[in-house]
Amino acid sequence: MSERILGIETSCDETAAAVVRGGREVLSSVVHSQIDEHAEYGGVVPEIAGRSHLRELTGIADRALEEAGLGLEDLDAVAVTTRPGLIGSLLVGVSTAKGLAYGTGLPLVGVHHIEAHVYAATMECESAPYPCIALVVSGGHTALYRAESPLEHTLLASTLDDAAGEAFDKVAWLLGLPYPGGPSVSALAREGRPDAIAFPRYRAADGGGGFSFSGLKTAVLYHLRGGDALAPTPPPERITDRADVAASFEQAVVDSLVDETFRAAGREELDTILVAGGVACNRRLREEMTRRGSEDGRTVVFPSPAYCTDNAVMIAGLGTELLRAGRTCGWDLDASPR
């Protein structure tokens, strides 16, 4: 089948639209990043994000259609992220998608953002990797799922506090590095020793699954402030072991993600692991996951970097599967932050 789906993604700080044919063939993908708008604040400001989506989305959708060489009359459905995310941002996308679908008579498909990230990791696979373990790790989400199919996901473990990407942003701020924190910390980490500082790795006391990065973030703060939480954070030029801090922090995050993921794969007796979300771009995470997979005899799949960060290709792709399953939405479709 060759359904042509317009996907719309506005869950956080990227305004994106894409046209995908048959669930896998990318006809166009347009992403407007808001990094410059949020950089001075060291993180995403919800009000700024929502207003930026409102300003940019119509033009981004027009460009996606133009690059695909299609008009609205050539589409088979409109798919849009409905959850989870920033509620103001989500509402811009949902309202726009509803208007387009209503005005054209096209089916409307609501897509779960995290499940779309999992789908993104499969779009470049020659064959379906299901069932598998899926790690979704980004600025807003860190969770493990058992994925039976594109539409069947069971949550196995999630973070108790910060997402991994959020921890990267906060540590980048402590080190005086620019936003977004993931690429900044990773770049500095290349100059440091990952074993220089013994930062903690979370492990559930009862042996169960889960992630936690707040203790690690606090350990970095204590280290930089000489053990005194009330002391001021030193300016970047006075942090003599700055690269070692970055490298040791990054290694601690990666160790937590890798260990918990492979424990889950062992418990579920699954040999394929998908890694998705913005942090899946991290060089050390890719290296450690691949190495551990080779040692354990498990296949580890990463999407291309363009499909790791938020994009509308994954929304249109998973939207195709939902359309085929008859899971379309009515005009009461709403957004949800959870």
Protein backbone atom coordinates (compact mmCIF):
# COMPACT_ATOMS: atom_id res chain seq x y z
CA MET A 1 0.00 0.00 0.00
CA SER A 2 1.22 3.54 -0.67
CA GLU A 3 -0.72 5.84 1.63
CA ARG A 4 0.63 9.37 1.65
CA ILE A 5 0.48 10.87 5.12
CA LEU A 6 1.24 14.40 6.28
CA GLY A 7 2.78 14.26 9.74
CA ILE A 8 2.87 17.20 12.17
CA GLU A 9 5.07 17.34 15.29
CA THR A 10 5.00 20.16 17.87
CA SER A 11 5.44 18.38 21.20
CA CYS A 12 8.32 20.49 22.50
CA ASP A 13 10.74 22.89 20.80
CA GLU A 14 10.88 21.72 17.18
CA THR A 15 8.22 22.58 14.64
CA ALA A 16 8.17 19.79 12.08
CA ALA A 17 6.13 18.52 9.15
CA ALA A 18 6.82 15.62 6.79
CA VAL A 19 5.16 13.57 4.07
CA VAL A 20 5.73 9.81 4.15
CA ARG A 21 4.48 7.25 1.65
CA GLY A 22 3.68 3.71 2.70
CA GLY A 23 4.95 4.23 6.24
CA ARG A 24 8.63 4.27 5.24
CA GLU A 25 9.36 6.27 2.10
CA VAL A 26 10.19 9.83 3.11
CA LEU A 27 8.98 12.29 0.49
CA SER A 28 9.83 15.36 2.55
CA SER A 29 10.90 16.38 6.04
CA VAL A 30 11.07 19.95 7.30
CA VAL A 31 12.17 20.85 10.85
CA HIS A 32 12.36 24.32 12.37
CA SER A 33 14.55 24.32 15.47
CA GLN A 34 13.94 26.74 18.34
CA ILE A 35 17.40 26.33 19.89
CA ASP A 36 18.33 29.99 19.37
CA GLU A 37 15.08 31.13 21.01
CA HIS A 38 15.71 29.11 24.20
CA ALA A 39 19.52 29.19 24.41
CA GLU A 40 19.77 32.22 26.71
CA TYR A 41 17.53 30.48 29.26
CA GLY A 42 19.47 27.20 29.27
CA GLY A 43 16.33 25.18 28.51
CA VAL A 44 12.93 25.21 26.86
CA VAL A 45 10.54 27.97 27.92
CA PRO A 46 7.01 26.61 27.27
CA GLU A 47 5.41 29.97 26.43
CA ILE A 48 8.13 30.80 23.91
CA ALA A 49 7.87 27.32 22.40
CA GLY A 50 4.11 27.54 21.90
CA ARG A 51 4.27 30.97 20.28
CA SER A 52 7.06 29.84 17.97
CA HIS A 53 5.01 26.84 16.80
CA LEU A 54 2.04 29.11 16.18
CA ARG A 55 4.20 31.42 14.09
CA GLU A 56 6.01 28.74 12.07
CA LEU A 57 3.78 25.68 11.64
CA THR A 58 1.67 26.71 8.66
CA GLY A 59 4.73 27.65 6.63
CA ILE A 60 6.55 24.45 7.63
CA ALA A 61 3.58 22.31 6.54
CA ASP A 62 3.40 24.18 3.22
CA ARG A 63 7.09 23.54 2.63
CA ALA A 64 6.72 19.83 3.40
CA LEU A 65 3.95 19.51 0.82
CA GLU A 66 5.89 21.55 -1.73
CA GLU A 67 9.04 19.47 -1.31
CA ALA A 68 6.99 16.28 -1.65
CA GLY A 69 5.43 17.65 -4.84
CA LEU A 70 1.95 17.12 -3.47
CA GLY A 71 -1.14 19.11 -2.58
CA LEU A 72 -3.57 18.45 0.24
CA GLU A 73 -5.84 16.72 -2.26
CA ASP A 74 -3.13 14.10 -2.85
CA LEU A 75 -2.94 12.99 0.78
CA ASP A 76 -4.64 10.03 2.44
CA ALA A 77 -4.57 11.32 6.04
CA VAL A 78 -3.16 13.88 8.45
CA ALA A 79 -1.27 12.56 11.50
CA VAL A 80 -0.30 14.66 14.50
CA THR A 81 1.40 14.25 17.87
CA THR A 82 -1.19 14.42 20.64
CA ARG A 83 0.83 13.32 23.69
CA PRO A 84 3.02 13.61 25.72
CA GLY A 85 4.67 17.02 25.65
CA LEU A 86 4.19 20.70 26.45
CA ILE A 87 0.45 21.26 26.39
CA GLY A 88 0.60 24.66 24.67
CA SER A 89 2.89 23.33 21.96
CA LEU A 90 0.80 20.20 21.44
CA LEU A 91 -2.38 22.23 21.08
CA VAL A 92 -0.91 24.23 18.19
CA GLY A 93 -0.20 21.04 16.26
CA VAL A 94 -3.47 19.34 17.10
CA SER A 95 -5.54 22.41 16.20
CA THR A 96 -3.72 22.81 12.88
CA ALA A 97 -4.10 19.13 11.99
CA LYS A 98 -7.79 19.17 12.86
CA GLY A 99 -8.33 22.22 10.69
CA LEU A 100 -6.53 20.63 7.73
CA ALA A 101 -8.41 17.34 8.10
CA TYR A 102 -11.77 19.04 8.54
CA GLY A 103 -11.25 21.33 5.58
CA THR A 104 -10.21 18.52 3.24
CA GLY A 105 -12.28 15.62 4.55
CA LEU A 106 -9.12 13.62 5.25
CA PRO A 107 -8.91 11.12 8.12
CA LEU A 108 -7.29 12.47 11.30
CA VAL A 109 -4.79 10.29 13.18
CA GLY A 110 -3.51 11.02 16.69
CA VAL A 111 0.01 9.76 17.44
CA HIS A 112 1.79 9.05 20.74
CA HIS A 113 5.16 10.83 20.65
CA ILE A 114 7.17 8.15 22.47
CA GLU A 115 5.73 5.30 20.41
CA ALA A 116 6.64 7.31 17.32
CA HIS A 117 10.26 7.50 18.52
CA VAL A 118 10.27 3.70 18.75
CA TYR A 119 8.85 3.48 15.22
CA ALA A 120 11.58 5.84 13.96
CA ALA A 121 14.22 3.31 14.99
CA THR A 122 12.59 0.70 12.70
CA MET A 123 12.12 2.80 9.58
CA GLU A 124 15.56 2.00 8.19
CA CYS A 125 15.42 -1.71 9.09
CA GLU A 126 15.14 -4.19 6.23
CA SER A 127 12.81 -6.37 8.28
CA ALA A 128 10.54 -5.76 11.27
CA PRO A 129 12.58 -6.17 14.49
CA TYR A 130 9.63 -7.13 16.72
CA PRO A 131 9.39 -8.22 19.46
CA CYS A 132 12.17 -6.13 20.96
CA ILE A 133 13.30 -3.92 23.82
CA ALA A 134 12.99 -0.20 23.09
CA LEU A 135 14.92 2.46 25.01
CA VAL A 136 13.55 5.97 24.45
CA VAL A 137 15.97 8.53 25.86
CA SER A 138 15.68 12.28 25.32
CA GLY A 139 15.37 15.60 27.09
CA GLY A 140 11.87 14.82 28.27
CA HIS A 141 11.72 11.03 28.39
CA THR A 142 13.80 8.11 29.58
CA ALA A 143 11.94 4.81 29.54
CA LEU A 144 12.15 1.18 28.51
CA TYR A 145 9.41 -0.67 26.63
CA ARG A 146 8.72 -4.12 25.35
CA ALA A 147 7.51 -3.56 21.79
CA GLU A 148 5.52 -6.39 20.23
CA SER A 149 4.59 -4.45 17.11
CA PRO A 150 4.40 -0.81 15.96
CA LEU A 151 1.14 -0.48 17.92
CA GLU A 152 1.83 -2.65 21.01
CA HIS A 153 4.11 -1.27 23.73
CA THR A 154 4.43 -2.30 27.38
CA LEU A 155 6.26 0.03 29.76
CA LEU A 156 8.99 -1.82 31.66
CA ALA A 157 10.83 0.98 33.43
CA SER A 158 11.09 4.76 33.47
CA THR A 159 12.98 7.55 35.20
CA LEU A 160 12.02 8.46 38.74
CA ASP A 161 13.07 12.09 38.25
CA ASP A 162 15.07 13.78 35.50
CA ALA A 163 15.24 12.43 31.98
CA ALA A 164 18.79 11.79 30.76
CA GLY A 165 18.72 14.69 28.31
CA GLU A 166 17.47 17.02 31.02
CA ALA A 167 20.41 15.99 33.22
CA PHE A 168 22.78 16.79 30.36
CA ASP A 169 21.25 20.27 30.08
CA LYS A 170 21.60 20.95 33.80
CA VAL A 171 25.20 19.75 33.98
CA ALA A 172 26.04 21.81 30.89
CA TRP A 173 24.73 24.87 32.74
CA LEU A 174 26.90 24.05 35.77
CA LEU A 175 29.93 23.76 33.48
CA GLY A 176 29.15 26.97 31.64
CA LEU A 177 28.43 25.17 28.36
CA PRO A 178 25.85 26.29 25.80
CA TYR A 179 22.37 24.85 25.34
CA PRO A 180 21.48 22.20 24.27
CA GLY A 181 23.57 20.39 26.83
CA GLY A 182 23.89 16.98 25.21
CA PRO A 183 26.13 17.95 22.29
CA SER A 184 28.04 20.49 24.41
CA VAL A 185 28.88 18.06 27.21
CA SER A 186 29.72 15.30 24.74
CA ALA A 187 32.11 17.55 22.80
CA LEU A 188 33.97 18.58 25.98
CA ALA A 189 33.98 14.97 27.21
CA ARG A 190 36.19 13.96 24.29
CA GLU A 191 39.01 15.92 26.00
CA GLY A 192 38.54 14.29 29.42
CA ARG A 193 38.88 10.93 31.16
CA PRO A 194 35.62 9.02 31.74
CA ASP A 195 37.13 7.29 34.79
CA ALA A 196 38.55 10.43 36.40
CA ILE A 197 35.69 10.95 38.90
CA ALA A 198 33.62 8.22 40.53
CA PHE A 199 30.15 9.66 40.01
CA PRO A 200 27.27 7.42 41.21
CA ARG A 201 25.14 5.10 39.07
CA TYR A 202 21.57 4.52 40.22
CA ARG A 203 20.44 0.97 40.88
CA ALA A 204 17.05 0.13 42.42
CA ALA A 205 17.50 -1.28 45.92
CA ASP A 206 14.95 -4.03 45.30
CA GLY A 207 16.63 -5.15 42.08
CA GLY A 208 13.80 -3.78 40.00
CA GLY A 209 14.16 -1.60 36.93
CA GLY A 210 14.20 2.13 36.54
CA PHE A 211 16.42 5.16 36.06
CA SER A 212 17.35 8.13 38.24
CA PHE A 213 19.67 10.98 37.35
CA SER A 214 18.97 13.54 40.08
CA GLY A 215 21.58 12.04 42.41
CA LEU A 216 24.17 12.08 39.65
CA LYS A 217 23.36 15.70 38.84
CA THR A 218 23.72 16.61 42.54
CA ALA A 219 27.03 14.75 42.74
CA VAL A 220 28.36 16.90 39.90
CA LEU A 221 27.19 20.05 41.70
CA TYR A 222 28.87 18.97 44.98
CA HIS A 223 32.08 18.17 43.13
CA LEU A 224 32.19 21.57 41.44
CA ARG A 225 31.42 23.38 44.70
CA GLY A 226 34.05 21.51 46.71
CA GLY A 227 31.51 19.56 48.71
CA ASP A 228 29.59 22.64 49.88
CA ALA A 229 26.14 22.76 48.27
CA LEU A 230 25.66 26.37 49.39
CA ALA A 231 28.89 27.60 47.84
CA PRO A 232 28.65 29.39 44.49
CA THR A 233 29.40 27.42 41.36
CA PRO A 234 32.83 28.50 40.13
CA PRO A 235 33.07 30.20 36.75
CA PRO A 236 34.09 27.89 33.86
CA GLU A 237 37.65 29.23 33.69
CA ARG A 238 38.24 28.19 37.31
CA ILE A 239 37.05 24.60 36.86
CA THR A 240 40.43 22.95 36.27
CA ASP A 241 39.01 19.45 35.67
CA ARG A 242 36.10 20.61 33.50
CA ALA A 243 36.68 18.05 30.71
CA ASP A 244 37.08 15.22 33.24
CA VAL A 245 33.79 16.22 34.89
CA ALA A 246 32.04 16.15 31.51
CA ALA A 247 33.55 12.80 30.53
CA SER A 248 32.87 11.16 33.90
CA PHE A 249 29.30 12.46 34.00
CA GLU A 250 28.63 11.26 30.44
CA GLN A 251 30.06 7.83 31.25
CA ALA A 252 27.85 7.54 34.34
CA VAL A 253 24.72 8.33 32.31
CA VAL A 254 25.70 5.90 29.57
CA ASP A 255 26.51 3.12 32.06
CA SER A 256 23.08 3.51 33.67
CA LEU A 257 21.28 3.42 30.33
CA VAL A 258 23.24 0.46 28.97
CA ASP A 259 23.13 -1.68 32.12
CA GLU A 260 19.41 -1.24 32.69
CA THR A 261 18.58 -1.84 29.03
CA PHE A 262 20.51 -5.09 28.85
CA ARG A 263 19.07 -6.27 32.18
CA ALA A 264 15.61 -5.71 30.72
CA ALA A 265 16.55 -7.57 27.53
CA GLY A 266 17.71 -10.50 29.66
CA ARG A 267 14.55 -10.54 31.77
CA GLU A 268 12.33 -10.36 28.68
CA GLU A 269 14.50 -12.85 26.76
CA LEU A 270 14.71 -10.59 23.71
CA ASP A 271 17.67 -10.34 21.35
CA THR A 272 16.93 -7.01 19.64
CA ILE A 273 17.26 -3.57 21.24
CA LEU A 274 16.06 -0.33 19.67
CA VAL A 275 17.49 2.97 20.95
CA ALA A 276 15.61 6.15 20.06
CA GLY A 277 15.25 9.79 21.11
CA GLY A 278 17.63 12.73 21.02
CA VAL A 279 20.21 11.21 23.38
CA ALA A 280 20.50 8.29 20.94
CA CYS A 281 22.77 10.64 18.95
CA ASN A 282 25.35 10.48 21.74
CA ARG A 283 28.61 8.97 20.46
CA ARG A 284 29.56 7.18 23.68
CA LEU A 285 26.08 5.69 24.10
CA ARG A 286 26.22 4.30 20.57
CA GLU A 287 29.68 2.84 21.14
CA GLU A 288 28.84 1.26 24.51
CA MET A 289 25.49 -0.14 23.37
CA THR A 290 27.05 -1.64 20.26
CA ARG A 291 29.97 -3.13 22.21
CA ARG A 292 27.68 -4.63 24.85
CA GLY A 293 25.38 -6.00 22.17
CA SER A 294 28.29 -7.72 20.47
CA GLU A 295 29.41 -9.25 23.78
CA ASP A 296 25.89 -10.45 24.65
CA GLY A 297 24.93 -11.64 21.16
CA ARG A 298 22.15 -9.06 20.84
CA THR A 299 21.39 -6.73 17.95
CA VAL A 300 21.28 -3.03 18.76
CA VAL A 301 19.51 -0.71 16.33
CA PHE A 302 19.90 3.08 16.20
CA PRO A 303 18.07 5.36 13.78
CA SER A 304 20.00 7.93 11.76
CA PRO A 305 20.64 11.10 13.81
CA ALA A 306 17.96 13.01 11.87
CA TYR A 307 15.37 10.51 13.14
CA CYS A 308 16.64 10.54 16.75
CA THR A 309 15.63 14.11 17.55
CA ASP A 310 12.01 15.22 17.28
CA ASN A 311 10.76 15.04 13.69
CA ALA A 312 7.53 14.57 11.78
CA VAL A 313 8.73 11.60 9.71
CA MET A 314 8.15 9.32 12.68
CA ILE A 315 4.69 10.82 13.21
CA ALA A 316 3.66 10.21 9.61
CA GLY A 317 5.24 6.75 9.67
CA LEU A 318 3.45 5.53 12.78
CA GLY A 319 0.35 7.39 11.59
CA THR A 320 0.32 5.09 8.58
CA GLU A 321 0.21 2.01 10.83
CA LEU A 322 -2.61 3.53 12.86
CA LEU A 323 -4.55 4.41 9.71
CA ARG A 324 -4.22 0.84 8.42
CA ALA A 325 -5.50 -0.44 11.77
CA GLY A 326 -8.55 1.83 11.50
CA ARG A 327 -7.48 3.87 14.53
CA THR A 328 -8.54 7.30 13.31
CA CYS A 329 -9.85 10.11 15.51
CA GLY A 330 -12.95 12.27 15.72
CA TRP A 331 -13.17 16.04 16.02
CA ASP A 332 -13.01 15.75 19.81
CA LEU A 333 -9.33 14.76 19.57
CA ASP A 334 -7.41 16.64 22.25
CA ALA A 335 -3.84 17.04 23.43
CA SER A 336 -2.44 15.76 26.73
CA PRO A 337 0.88 16.53 28.46
CA ARG A 338 1.05 12.96 29.81
